[in-house]
Amino acid sequence: QVQLVESGGGLVQAGGSLKLSCVVSGSIFRNYAGYWYRQVPGNRREPVAEIHPNGYTAYAGSVKGRFTISRDNAKNTVYLQMNSLKPEDTAVYYCNVGAGQTYYWGQGTQVTVSS
């Protein structure tokens, strides 16, 4: 059974930084693409960043240049480094990994950016 455990969320002032981690267990992480999504109550979950097994990355326009997604296959972990945080980045951040037709979600971690 594949499990994802996220950590690193918290409260930070605008302009600050946080680094989210997502540890994947129960499967061969190196074959999976990794994604970070975020969701504000009442809104749909939106994609933030993605990283593929070959290292290709992509970002939502609202975070490009501020956020960096990375992966460490030896540690079965995908990261999201978030810099220059803004109040509008406040959300629950979810990790998602998978390939083909099968994807898995983490439980989410709250990020709150105060102005």
PDB file of N, CA and C in Angstrom:
ATOM      1  N   GLN A   1       0.843  -1.184   0.000  1.00  0.00           N
ATOM      2  CA  GLN A   1       0.000   0.000   0.000  1.00  0.00           C
ATOM      3  C   GLN A   1       0.884   1.243   0.000  1.00  0.00           C
ATOM      4  N   VAL A   2       0.615   2.150  -0.929  1.00  0.00           N
ATOM      5  CA  VAL A   2       1.407   3.371  -1.033  1.00  0.00           C
ATOM      6  C   VAL A   2       0.884   4.396  -0.039  1.00  0.00           C
ATOM      7  N   GLN A   3       1.801   4.979   0.711  1.00  0.00           N
ATOM      8  CA  GLN A   3       1.438   6.026   1.659  1.00  0.00           C
ATOM      9  C   GLN A   3       2.322   7.241   1.448  1.00  0.00           C
ATOM     10  N   LEU A   4       1.737   8.409   1.599  1.00  0.00           N
ATOM     11  CA  LEU A   4       2.448   9.675   1.463  1.00  0.00           C
ATOM     12  C   LEU A   4       2.312  10.427   2.784  1.00  0.00           C
ATOM     13  N   VAL A   5       3.423  10.891   3.318  1.00  0.00           N
ATOM     14  CA  VAL A   5       3.400  11.664   4.554  1.00  0.00           C
ATOM     15  C   VAL A   5       4.058  13.005   4.292  1.00  0.00           C
ATOM     16  N   GLU A   6       3.282  14.052   4.442  1.00  0.00           N
ATOM     17  CA  GLU A   6       3.767  15.410   4.191  1.00  0.00           C
ATOM     18  C   GLU A   6       4.163  16.078   5.505  1.00  0.00           C
ATOM     19  N   SER A   7       5.084  16.996   5.407  1.00  0.00           N
ATOM     20  CA  SER A   7       5.497  17.781   6.562  1.00  0.00           C
ATOM     21  C   SER A   7       6.085  19.098   6.074  1.00  0.00           C
ATOM     22  N   GLY A   8       6.288  20.020   7.015  1.00  0.00           N
ATOM     23  CA  GLY A   8       6.951  21.268   6.696  1.00  0.00           C
ATOM     24  C   GLY A   8       6.044  22.477   6.643  1.00  0.00           C
ATOM     25  N   GLY A   9       4.750  22.282   6.740  1.00  0.00           N
ATOM     26  CA  GLY A   9       3.846  23.420   6.733  1.00  0.00           C
ATOM     27  C   GLY A   9       3.934  24.201   8.029  1.00  0.00           C
ATOM     28  N   GLY A  10       3.272  25.353   8.052  1.00  0.00           N
ATOM     29  CA  GLY A  10       3.281  26.161   9.257  1.00  0.00           C
ATOM     30  C   GLY A  10       2.865  27.583   8.975  1.00  0.00           C
ATOM     31  N   LEU A  11       3.155  28.451   9.939  1.00  0.00           N
ATOM     32  CA  LEU A  11       2.823  29.871   9.850  1.00  0.00           C
ATOM     33  C   LEU A  11       4.096  30.656   9.582  1.00  0.00           C
ATOM     34  N   VAL A  12       4.055  31.531   8.592  1.00  0.00           N
ATOM     35  CA  VAL A  12       5.220  32.327   8.239  1.00  0.00           C
ATOM     36  C   VAL A  12       4.756  33.713   7.821  1.00  0.00           C
ATOM     37  N   GLN A  13       5.602  34.689   8.021  1.00  0.00           N
ATOM     38  CA  GLN A  13       5.281  36.045   7.588  1.00  0.00           C
ATOM     39  C   GLN A  13       5.508  36.199   6.088  1.00  0.00           C
ATOM     40  N   ALA A  14       4.814  37.121   5.502  1.00  0.00           N
ATOM     41  CA  ALA A  14       5.000  37.407   4.085  1.00  0.00           C
ATOM     42  C   ALA A  14       6.470  37.702   3.813  1.00  0.00           C
ATOM     43  N   GLY A  15       6.967  37.151   2.718  1.00  0.00           N
ATOM     44  CA  GLY A  15       8.369  37.284   2.373  1.00  0.00           C
ATOM     45  C   GLY A  15       9.236  36.157   2.891  1.00  0.00           C
ATOM     46  N   GLY A  16       8.684  35.337   3.755  1.00  0.00           N
ATOM     47  CA  GLY A  16       9.435  34.236   4.341  1.00  0.00           C
ATOM     48  C   GLY A  16       9.458  33.005   3.462  1.00  0.00           C
ATOM     49  N   SER A  17      10.027  31.940   4.004  1.00  0.00           N
ATOM     50  CA  SER A  17      10.206  30.701   3.251  1.00  0.00           C
ATOM     51  C   SER A  17       9.762  29.497   4.079  1.00  0.00           C
ATOM     52  N   LEU A  18       9.328  28.479   3.373  1.00  0.00           N
ATOM     53  CA  LEU A  18       9.035  27.174   3.963  1.00  0.00           C
ATOM     54  C   LEU A  18       9.458  26.113   2.963  1.00  0.00           C
ATOM     55  N   LYS A  19       9.793  24.929   3.490  1.00  0.00           N
ATOM     56  CA  LYS A  19      10.097  23.797   2.617  1.00  0.00           C
ATOM     57  C   LYS A  19       9.218  22.621   3.016  1.00  0.00           C
ATOM     58  N   LEU A  20       8.394  22.194   2.089  1.00  0.00           N
ATOM     59  CA  LEU A  20       7.518  21.051   2.299  1.00  0.00           C
ATOM     60  C   LEU A  20       8.218  19.771   1.843  1.00  0.00           C
ATOM     61  N   SER A  21       7.952  18.697   2.566  1.00  0.00           N
ATOM     62  CA  SER A  21       8.487  17.380   2.211  1.00  0.00           C
ATOM     63  C   SER A  21       7.344  16.387   2.098  1.00  0.00           C
ATOM     64  N   CYS A  22       7.507  15.432   1.225  1.00  0.00           N
ATOM     65  CA  CYS A  22       6.512  14.369   1.048  1.00  0.00           C
ATOM     66  C   CYS A  22       7.274  13.055   0.902  1.00  0.00           C
ATOM     67  N   VAL A  23       7.180  12.201   1.912  1.00  0.00           N
ATOM     68  CA  VAL A  23       7.868  10.919   1.897  1.00  0.00           C
ATOM     69  C   VAL A  23       6.899   9.852   1.403  1.00  0.00           C
ATOM     70  N   VAL A  24       7.338   9.104   0.421  1.00  0.00           N
ATOM     71  CA  VAL A  24       6.516   8.067  -0.211  1.00  0.00           C
ATOM     72  C   VAL A  24       7.003   6.701   0.233  1.00  0.00           C
ATOM     73  N   SER A  25       6.098   5.875   0.694  1.00  0.00           N
ATOM     74  CA  SER A  25       6.458   4.521   1.089  1.00  0.00           C
ATOM     75  C   SER A  25       5.557   3.527   0.390  1.00  0.00           C
ATOM     76  N   GLY A  26       6.063   2.322   0.242  1.00  0.00           N
ATOM     77  CA  GLY A  26       5.242   1.247  -0.289  1.00  0.00           C
ATOM     78  C   GLY A  26       5.303   1.076  -1.785  1.00  0.00           C
ATOM     79  N   SER A  27       6.177   1.841  -2.453  1.00  0.00           N
ATOM     80  CA  SER A  27       6.266   1.668  -3.886  1.00  0.00           C
ATOM     81  C   SER A  27       7.598   2.198  -4.387  1.00  0.00           C
ATOM     82  N   ILE A  28       7.814   2.073  -5.680  1.00  0.00           N
ATOM     83  CA  ILE A  28       9.080   2.490  -6.280  1.00  0.00           C
ATOM     84  C   ILE A  28       8.931   3.934  -6.731  1.00  0.00           C
ATOM     85  N   PHE A  29       9.328   4.847  -5.874  1.00  0.00           N
ATOM     86  CA  PHE A  29       9.086   6.261  -6.105  1.00  0.00           C
ATOM     87  C   PHE A  29       9.770   6.756  -7.364  1.00  0.00           C
ATOM     88  N   ARG A  30      10.926   6.199  -7.705  1.00  0.00           N
ATOM     89  CA  ARG A  30      11.689   6.757  -8.819  1.00  0.00           C
ATOM     90  C   ARG A  30      10.934   6.646 -10.148  1.00  0.00           C
ATOM     91  N   ASN A  31       9.932   5.772 -10.205  1.00  0.00           N
ATOM     92  CA  ASN A  31       9.151   5.632 -11.435  1.00  0.00           C
ATOM     93  C   ASN A  31       7.970   6.592 -11.516  1.00  0.00           C
ATOM     94  N   TYR A  32       7.750   7.342 -10.462  1.00  0.00           N
ATOM     95  CA  TYR A  32       6.558   8.185 -10.366  1.00  0.00           C
ATOM     96  C   TYR A  32       6.844   9.642 -10.663  1.00  0.00           C
ATOM     97  N   ALA A  33       5.865  10.305 -11.212  1.00  0.00           N
ATOM     98  CA  ALA A  33       5.878  11.762 -11.227  1.00  0.00           C
ATOM     99  C   ALA A  33       5.399  12.254  -9.867  1.00  0.00           C
ATOM    100  N   GLY A  34       5.890  13.411  -9.470  1.00  0.00           N
ATOM    101  CA  GLY A  34       5.494  14.010  -8.195  1.00  0.00           C
ATOM    102  C   GLY A  34       4.854  15.363  -8.435  1.00  0.00           C
ATOM    103  N   TYR A  35       3.812  15.649  -7.697  1.00  0.00           N
ATOM    104  CA  TYR A  35       3.058  16.903  -7.864  1.00  0.00           C
ATOM    105  C   TYR A  35       2.785  17.518  -6.486  1.00  0.00           C
ATOM    106  N   TRP A  36       2.694  18.822  -6.488  1.00  0.00           N
ATOM    107  CA  TRP A  36       2.144  19.549  -5.346  1.00  0.00           C
ATOM    108  C   TRP A  36       0.922  20.321  -5.822  1.00  0.00           C
ATOM    109  N   TYR A  37      -0.154  20.197  -5.044  1.00  0.00           N
ATOM    110  CA  TYR A  37      -1.384  20.946  -5.264  1.00  0.00           C
ATOM    111  C   TYR A  37      -1.664  21.770  -4.015  1.00  0.00           C
ATOM    112  N   ARG A  38      -2.571  22.732  -4.146  1.00  0.00           N
ATOM    113  CA  ARG A  38      -3.023  23.463  -2.970  1.00  0.00           C
ATOM    114  C   ARG A  38      -4.511  23.765  -3.095  1.00  0.00           C
ATOM    115  N   GLN A  39      -5.124  23.941  -1.918  1.00  0.00           N
ATOM    116  CA  GLN A  39      -6.565  24.177  -1.902  1.00  0.00           C
ATOM    117  C   GLN A  39      -6.930  25.115  -0.766  1.00  0.00           C
ATOM    118  N   VAL A  40      -7.730  26.100  -1.120  1.00  0.00           N
ATOM    119  CA  VAL A  40      -8.314  27.019  -0.160  1.00  0.00           C
ATOM    120  C   VAL A  40      -9.759  26.595   0.037  1.00  0.00           C
ATOM    121  N   PRO A  41     -10.270  26.609   1.267  1.00  0.00           N
ATOM    122  CA  PRO A  41     -11.671  26.193   1.488  1.00  0.00           C
ATOM    123  C   PRO A  41     -12.625  26.913   0.543  1.00  0.00           C
ATOM    124  N   GLY A  42     -13.494  26.133  -0.078  1.00  0.00           N
ATOM    125  CA  GLY A  42     -14.462  26.697  -0.997  1.00  0.00           C
ATOM    126  C   GLY A  42     -13.988  26.764  -2.431  1.00  0.00           C
ATOM    127  N   ASN A  43     -12.696  26.510  -2.629  1.00  0.00           N
ATOM    128  CA  ASN A  43     -12.133  26.546  -3.987  1.00  0.00           C
ATOM    129  C   ASN A  43     -11.696  25.142  -4.415  1.00  0.00           C
ATOM    130  N   ARG A  44     -11.504  24.990  -5.705  1.00  0.00           N
ATOM    131  CA  ARG A  44     -11.020  23.708  -6.200  1.00  0.00           C
ATOM    132  C   ARG A  44      -9.532  23.552  -5.913  1.00  0.00           C
ATOM    133  N   ARG A  45      -9.084  22.318  -5.843  1.00  0.00           N
ATOM    134  CA  ARG A  45      -7.669  22.045  -5.651  1.00  0.00           C
ATOM    135  C   ARG A  45      -6.933  22.399  -6.951  1.00  0.00           C
ATOM    136  N   GLU A  46      -5.852  23.150  -6.827  1.00  0.00           N
ATOM    137  CA  GLU A  46      -5.151  23.601  -8.017  1.00  0.00           C
ATOM    138  C   GLU A  46      -3.706  23.103  -8.027  1.00  0.00           C
ATOM    139  N   PRO A  47      -3.184  22.793  -9.195  1.00  0.00           N
ATOM    140  CA  PRO A  47      -1.799  22.345  -9.297  1.00  0.00           C
ATOM    141  C   PRO A  47      -0.830  23.490  -9.061  1.00  0.00           C
ATOM    142  N   VAL A  48       0.255  23.182  -8.392  1.00  0.00           N
ATOM    143  CA  VAL A  48       1.275  24.176  -8.072  1.00  0.00           C
ATOM    144  C   VAL A  48       2.563  23.877  -8.826  1.00  0.00           C
ATOM    145  N   ALA A  49       3.015  22.622  -8.758  1.00  0.00           N
ATOM    146  CA  ALA A  49       4.285  22.262  -9.390  1.00  0.00           C
ATOM    147  C   ALA A  49       4.302  20.762  -9.648  1.00  0.00           C
ATOM    148  N   GLU A  50       5.129  20.367 -10.611  1.00  0.00           N
ATOM    149  CA  GLU A  50       5.273  18.947 -10.928  1.00  0.00           C
ATOM    150  C   GLU A  50       6.710  18.641 -11.275  1.00  0.00           C
ATOM    151  N   ILE A  51       7.090  17.387 -11.023  1.00  0.00           N
ATOM    152  CA  ILE A  51       8.424  16.924 -11.393  1.00  0.00           C
ATOM    153  C   ILE A  51       8.300  15.480 -11.862  1.00  0.00           C
ATOM    154  N   HIS A  52       8.960  15.184 -12.980  1.00  0.00           N
ATOM    155  CA  HIS A  52       8.837  13.874 -13.582  1.00  0.00           C
ATOM    156  C   HIS A  52      10.107  13.065 -13.344  1.00  0.00           C
ATOM    157  N   PRO A  53      10.043  11.740 -13.579  1.00  0.00           N
ATOM    158  CA  PRO A  53      11.222  10.908 -13.323  1.00  0.00           C
ATOM    159  C   PRO A  53      12.468  11.364 -14.079  1.00  0.00           C
ATOM    160  N   ASN A  54      12.296  11.998 -15.221  1.00  0.00           N
ATOM    161  CA  ASN A  54      13.463  12.457 -15.991  1.00  0.00           C
ATOM    162  C   ASN A  54      13.950  13.827 -15.537  1.00  0.00           C
ATOM    163  N   GLY A  55      13.320  14.391 -14.512  1.00  0.00           N
ATOM    164  CA  GLY A  55      13.749  15.674 -13.975  1.00  0.00           C
ATOM    165  C   GLY A  55      12.998  16.876 -14.511  1.00  0.00           C
ATOM    166  N   TYR A  56      12.147  16.660 -15.491  1.00  0.00           N
ATOM    167  CA  TYR A  56      11.363  17.775 -16.039  1.00  0.00           C
ATOM    168  C   TYR A  56      10.470  18.377 -14.958  1.00  0.00           C
ATOM    169  N   THR A  57      10.426  19.693 -14.888  1.00  0.00           N
ATOM    170  CA  THR A  57       9.592  20.389 -13.920  1.00  0.00           C
ATOM    171  C   THR A  57       8.702  21.412 -14.613  1.00  0.00           C
ATOM    172  N   ALA A  58       7.592  21.727 -13.960  1.00  0.00           N
ATOM    173  CA  ALA A  58       6.686  22.765 -14.445  1.00  0.00           C
ATOM    174  C   ALA A  58       6.002  23.394 -13.250  1.00  0.00           C
ATOM    175  N   TYR A  59       5.597  24.663 -13.426  1.00  0.00           N
ATOM    176  CA  TYR A  59       5.035  25.421 -12.318  1.00  0.00           C
ATOM    177  C   TYR A  59       3.801  26.198 -12.760  1.00  0.00           C
ATOM    178  N   ALA A  60       2.917  26.433 -11.791  1.00  0.00           N
ATOM    179  CA  ALA A  60       1.826  27.366 -12.028  1.00  0.00           C
ATOM    180  C   ALA A  60       2.417  28.767 -12.161  1.00  0.00           C
ATOM    181  N   GLY A  61       1.771  29.587 -12.975  1.00  0.00           N
ATOM    182  CA  GLY A  61       2.292  30.924 -13.208  1.00  0.00           C
ATOM    183  C   GLY A  61       2.416  31.749 -11.941  1.00  0.00           C
ATOM    184  N   SER A  62       1.506  31.515 -10.992  1.00  0.00           N
ATOM    185  CA  SER A  62       1.487  32.314  -9.771  1.00  0.00           C
ATOM    186  C   SER A  62       2.666  32.027  -8.837  1.00  0.00           C
ATOM    187  N   VAL A  63       3.360  30.904  -9.044  1.00  0.00           N
ATOM    188  CA  VAL A  63       4.471  30.552  -8.146  1.00  0.00           C
ATOM    189  C   VAL A  63       5.809  30.496  -8.883  1.00  0.00           C
ATOM    190  N   LYS A  64       5.786  30.606 -10.189  1.00  0.00           N
ATOM    191  CA  LYS A  64       7.028  30.492 -10.964  1.00  0.00           C
ATOM    192  C   LYS A  64       8.026  31.552 -10.516  1.00  0.00           C
ATOM    193  N   GLY A  65       9.254  31.111 -10.300  1.00  0.00           N
ATOM    194  CA  GLY A  65      10.307  32.007  -9.843  1.00  0.00           C
ATOM    195  C   GLY A  65      10.400  32.121  -8.333  1.00  0.00           C
ATOM    196  N   ARG A  66       9.380  31.630  -7.623  1.00  0.00           N
ATOM    197  CA  ARG A  66       9.388  31.675  -6.144  1.00  0.00           C
ATOM    198  C   ARG A  66       9.461  30.285  -5.529  1.00  0.00           C
ATOM    199  N   PHE A  67       8.838  29.314  -6.176  1.00  0.00           N
ATOM    200  CA  PHE A  67       8.787  27.937  -5.658  1.00  0.00           C
ATOM    201  C   PHE A  67       9.699  27.045  -6.503  1.00  0.00           C
ATOM    202  N   THR A  68      10.277  26.041  -5.854  1.00  0.00           N
ATOM    203  CA  THR A  68      11.103  25.064  -6.551  1.00  0.00           C
ATOM    204  C   THR A  68      10.731  23.662  -6.092  1.00  0.00           C
ATOM    205  N   ILE A  69      10.382  22.815  -7.037  1.00  0.00           N
ATOM    206  CA  ILE A  69      10.090  21.416  -6.728  1.00  0.00           C
ATOM    207  C   ILE A  69      11.335  20.590  -7.016  1.00  0.00           C
ATOM    208  N   SER A  70      11.586  19.609  -6.176  1.00  0.00           N
ATOM    209  CA  SER A  70      12.738  18.734  -6.371  1.00  0.00           C
ATOM    210  C   SER A  70      12.398  17.349  -5.828  1.00  0.00           C
ATOM    211  N   ARG A  71      13.266  16.399  -6.110  1.00  0.00           N
ATOM    212  CA  ARG A  71      13.037  15.039  -5.632  1.00  0.00           C
ATOM    213  C   ARG A  71      14.357  14.398  -5.263  1.00  0.00           C
ATOM    214  N   ASP A  72      14.294  13.478  -4.314  1.00  0.00           N
ATOM    215  CA  ASP A  72      15.435  12.674  -3.922  1.00  0.00           C
ATOM    216  C   ASP A  72      14.972  11.227  -3.961  1.00  0.00           C
ATOM    217  N   ASN A  73      15.297  10.538  -5.028  1.00  0.00           N
ATOM    218  CA  ASN A  73      14.815   9.169  -5.195  1.00  0.00           C
ATOM    219  C   ASN A  73      15.370   8.233  -4.132  1.00  0.00           C
ATOM    220  N   ALA A  74      16.579   8.511  -3.657  1.00  0.00           N
ATOM    221  CA  ALA A  74      17.170   7.663  -2.622  1.00  0.00           C
ATOM    222  C   ALA A  74      16.397   7.750  -1.312  1.00  0.00           C
ATOM    223  N   LYS A  75      15.754   8.894  -1.092  1.00  0.00           N
ATOM    224  CA  LYS A  75      14.978   9.099   0.130  1.00  0.00           C
ATOM    225  C   LYS A  75      13.474   8.988  -0.108  1.00  0.00           C
ATOM    226  N   ASN A  76      13.087   8.624  -1.335  1.00  0.00           N
ATOM    227  CA  ASN A  76      11.662   8.503  -1.668  1.00  0.00           C
ATOM    228  C   ASN A  76      10.888   9.757  -1.296  1.00  0.00           C
ATOM    229  N   THR A  77      11.457  10.897  -1.605  1.00  0.00           N
ATOM    230  CA  THR A  77      10.890  12.166  -1.138  1.00  0.00           C
ATOM    231  C   THR A  77      10.812  13.182  -2.263  1.00  0.00           C
ATOM    232  N   VAL A  78       9.717  13.915  -2.279  1.00  0.00           N
ATOM    233  CA  VAL A  78       9.571  15.072  -3.160  1.00  0.00           C
ATOM    234  C   VAL A  78       9.420  16.305  -2.273  1.00  0.00           C
ATOM    235  N   TYR A  79      10.061  17.388  -2.686  1.00  0.00           N
ATOM    236  CA  TYR A  79      10.114  18.612  -1.892  1.00  0.00           C
ATOM    237  C   TYR A  79       9.458  19.770  -2.642  1.00  0.00           C
ATOM    238  N   LEU A  80       9.050  20.768  -1.877  1.00  0.00           N
ATOM    239  CA  LEU A  80       8.620  22.033  -2.456  1.00  0.00           C
ATOM    240  C   LEU A  80       9.233  23.153  -1.615  1.00  0.00           C
ATOM    241  N   GLN A  81      10.239  23.812  -2.168  1.00  0.00           N
ATOM    242  CA  GLN A  81      10.842  24.974  -1.528  1.00  0.00           C
ATOM    243  C   GLN A  81      10.041  26.197  -1.928  1.00  0.00           C
ATOM    244  N   MET A  82       9.524  26.901  -0.937  1.00  0.00           N
ATOM    245  CA  MET A  82       8.668  28.054  -1.198  1.00  0.00           C
ATOM    246  C   MET A  82       9.341  29.299  -0.622  1.00  0.00           C
ATOM    247  N   ASN A  83       9.704  30.216  -1.488  1.00  0.00           N
ATOM    248  CA  ASN A  83      10.346  31.471  -1.093  1.00  0.00           C
ATOM    249  C   ASN A  83       9.449  32.659  -1.420  1.00  0.00           C
ATOM    250  N   SER A  84       9.754  33.784  -0.826  1.00  0.00           N
ATOM    251  CA  SER A  84       9.001  35.019  -1.076  1.00  0.00           C
ATOM    252  C   SER A  84       7.503  34.779  -0.951  1.00  0.00           C
ATOM    253  N   LEU A  85       7.128  34.128   0.123  1.00  0.00           N
ATOM    254  CA  LEU A  85       5.720  33.746   0.297  1.00  0.00           C
ATOM    255  C   LEU A  85       4.831  34.968   0.436  1.00  0.00           C
ATOM    256  N   LYS A  86       3.619  34.821  -0.087  1.00  0.00           N
ATOM    257  CA  LYS A  86       2.622  35.883  -0.072  1.00  0.00           C
ATOM    258  C   LYS A  86       1.377  35.389   0.672  1.00  0.00           C
ATOM    259  N   PRO A  87       0.577  36.294   1.211  1.00  0.00           N
ATOM    260  CA  PRO A  87      -0.654  35.854   1.888  1.00  0.00           C
ATOM    261  C   PRO A  87      -1.544  35.000   0.987  1.00  0.00           C
ATOM    262  N   GLU A  88      -1.526  35.266  -0.297  1.00  0.00           N
ATOM    263  CA  GLU A  88      -2.367  34.479  -1.213  1.00  0.00           C
ATOM    264  C   GLU A  88      -1.847  33.064  -1.438  1.00  0.00           C
ATOM    265  N   ASP A  89      -0.683  32.747  -0.892  1.00  0.00           N
ATOM    266  CA  ASP A  89      -0.189  31.366  -0.933  1.00  0.00           C
ATOM    267  C   ASP A  89      -0.780  30.526   0.199  1.00  0.00           C
ATOM    268  N   THR A  90      -1.519  31.152   1.100  1.00  0.00           N
ATOM    269  CA  THR A  90      -2.138  30.428   2.201  1.00  0.00           C
ATOM    270  C   THR A  90      -3.104  29.385   1.663  1.00  0.00           C
ATOM    271  N   ALA A  91      -2.922  28.138   2.091  1.00  0.00           N
ATOM    272  CA  ALA A  91      -3.737  27.027   1.603  1.00  0.00           C
ATOM    273  C   ALA A  91      -3.295  25.749   2.302  1.00  0.00           C
ATOM    274  N   VAL A  92      -4.053  24.694   2.093  1.00  0.00           N
ATOM    275  CA  VAL A  92      -3.585  23.356   2.424  1.00  0.00           C
ATOM    276  C   VAL A  92      -2.863  22.811   1.198  1.00  0.00           C
ATOM    277  N   TYR A  93      -1.633  22.371   1.389  1.00  0.00           N
ATOM    278  CA  TYR A  93      -0.817  21.848   0.298  1.00  0.00           C
ATOM    279  C   TYR A  93      -0.824  20.325   0.336  1.00  0.00           C
ATOM    280  N   TYR A  94      -1.086  19.736  -0.824  1.00  0.00           N
ATOM    281  CA  TYR A  94      -1.182  18.291  -0.947  1.00  0.00           C
ATOM    282  C   TYR A  94      -0.112  17.765  -1.900  1.00  0.00           C
ATOM    283  N   CYS A  95       0.464  16.650  -1.514  1.00  0.00           N
ATOM    284  CA  CYS A  95       1.399  15.933  -2.366  1.00  0.00           C
ATOM    285  C   CYS A  95       0.640  14.862  -3.142  1.00  0.00           C
ATOM    286  N   ASN A  96       1.056  14.644  -4.376  1.00  0.00           N
ATOM    287  CA  ASN A  96       0.434  13.631  -5.226  1.00  0.00           C
ATOM    288  C   ASN A  96       1.536  12.961  -6.040  1.00  0.00           C
ATOM    289  N   VAL A  97       1.527  11.631  -6.069  1.00  0.00           N
ATOM    290  CA  VAL A  97       2.523  10.918  -6.874  1.00  0.00           C
ATOM    291  C   VAL A  97       1.828   9.797  -7.624  1.00  0.00           C
ATOM    292  N   GLY A  98       2.426   9.386  -8.724  1.00  0.00           N
ATOM    293  CA  GLY A  98       1.866   8.273  -9.465  1.00  0.00           C
ATOM    294  C   GLY A  98       2.354   8.220 -10.882  1.00  0.00           C
ATOM    295  N   ALA A  99       1.751   7.297 -11.618  1.00  0.00           N
ATOM    296  CA  ALA A  99       2.077   7.106 -13.019  1.00  0.00           C
ATOM    297  C   ALA A  99       0.908   6.411 -13.695  1.00  0.00           C
ATOM    298  N   GLY A 100       0.758   6.663 -14.976  1.00  0.00           N
ATOM    299  CA  GLY A 100      -0.307   6.019 -15.731  1.00  0.00           C
ATOM    300  C   GLY A 100      -1.680   6.375 -15.205  1.00  0.00           C
ATOM    301  N   GLN A 101      -2.423   5.371 -14.799  1.00  0.00           N
ATOM    302  CA  GLN A 101      -3.795   5.563 -14.325  1.00  0.00           C
ATOM    303  C   GLN A 101      -3.897   5.652 -12.806  1.00  0.00           C
ATOM    304  N   THR A 102      -2.784   5.500 -12.119  1.00  0.00           N
ATOM    305  CA  THR A 102      -2.842   5.384 -10.661  1.00  0.00           C
ATOM    306  C   THR A 102      -2.045   6.478  -9.990  1.00  0.00           C
ATOM    307  N   TYR A 103      -2.712   7.220  -9.131  1.00  0.00           N
ATOM    308  CA  TYR A 103      -2.093   8.293  -8.380  1.00  0.00           C
ATOM    309  C   TYR A 103      -2.523   8.223  -6.935  1.00  0.00           C
ATOM    310  N   TYR A 104      -1.685   8.766  -6.067  1.00  0.00           N
ATOM    311  CA  TYR A 104      -1.921   8.713  -4.631  1.00  0.00           C
ATOM    312  C   TYR A 104      -1.794  10.115  -4.049  1.00  0.00           C
ATOM    313  N   TRP A 105      -2.592  10.357  -2.978  1.00  0.00           N
ATOM    314  CA  TRP A 105      -2.602  11.664  -2.333  1.00  0.00           C
ATOM    315  C   TRP A 105      -2.075  11.563  -0.910  1.00  0.00           C
ATOM    316  N   GLY A 106      -1.423  12.639  -0.474  1.00  0.00           N
ATOM    317  CA  GLY A 106      -1.103  12.791   0.923  1.00  0.00           C
ATOM    318  C   GLY A 106      -2.266  13.409   1.667  1.00  0.00           C
ATOM    319  N   GLN A 107      -2.076  13.592   2.975  1.00  0.00           N
ATOM    320  CA  GLN A 107      -3.162  14.083   3.826  1.00  0.00           C
ATOM    321  C   GLN A 107      -3.250  15.606   3.832  1.00  0.00           C
ATOM    322  N   GLY A 108      -2.230  16.262   3.321  1.00  0.00           N
ATOM    323  CA  GLY A 108      -2.226  17.719   3.281  1.00  0.00           C
ATOM    324  C   GLY A 108      -1.500  18.333   4.467  1.00  0.00           C
ATOM    325  N   THR A 109      -0.908  19.488   4.222  1.00  0.00           N
ATOM    326  CA  THR A 109      -0.249  20.239   5.280  1.00  0.00           C
ATOM    327  C   THR A 109      -0.603  21.710   5.117  1.00  0.00           C
ATOM    328  N   GLN A 110      -0.952  22.355   6.225  1.00  0.00           N
ATOM    329  CA  GLN A 110      -1.428  23.742   6.169  1.00  0.00           C
ATOM    330  C   GLN A 110      -0.249  24.702   6.080  1.00  0.00           C
ATOM    331  N   VAL A 111      -0.355  25.626   5.143  1.00  0.00           N
ATOM    332  CA  VAL A 111       0.588  26.737   5.032  1.00  0.00           C
ATOM    333  C   VAL A 111      -0.204  28.031   5.204  1.00  0.00           C
ATOM    334  N   THR A 112       0.217  28.838   6.163  1.00  0.00           N
ATOM    335  CA  THR A 112      -0.448  30.111   6.423  1.00  0.00           C
ATOM    336  C   THR A 112       0.592  31.222   6.362  1.00  0.00           C
ATOM    337  N   VAL A 113       0.331  32.203   5.509  1.00  0.00           N
ATOM    338  CA  VAL A 113       1.245  33.329   5.335  1.00  0.00           C
ATOM    339  C   VAL A 113       0.541  34.583   5.839  1.00  0.00           C
ATOM    340  N   SER A 114       1.121  35.197   6.847  1.00  0.00           N
ATOM    341  CA  SER A 114       0.533  36.400   7.430  1.00  0.00           C
ATOM    342  C   SER A 114       1.102  37.646   6.761  1.00  0.00           C
ATOM    343  N   SER A 115       0.275  38.664   6.683  1.00  0.00           N
ATOM    344  CA  SER A 115       0.711  39.909   6.030  1.00  0.00           C
ATOM    345  C   SER A 115       1.361  40.859   7.021  1.00  0.00           C
TER     346      SER A 115
END
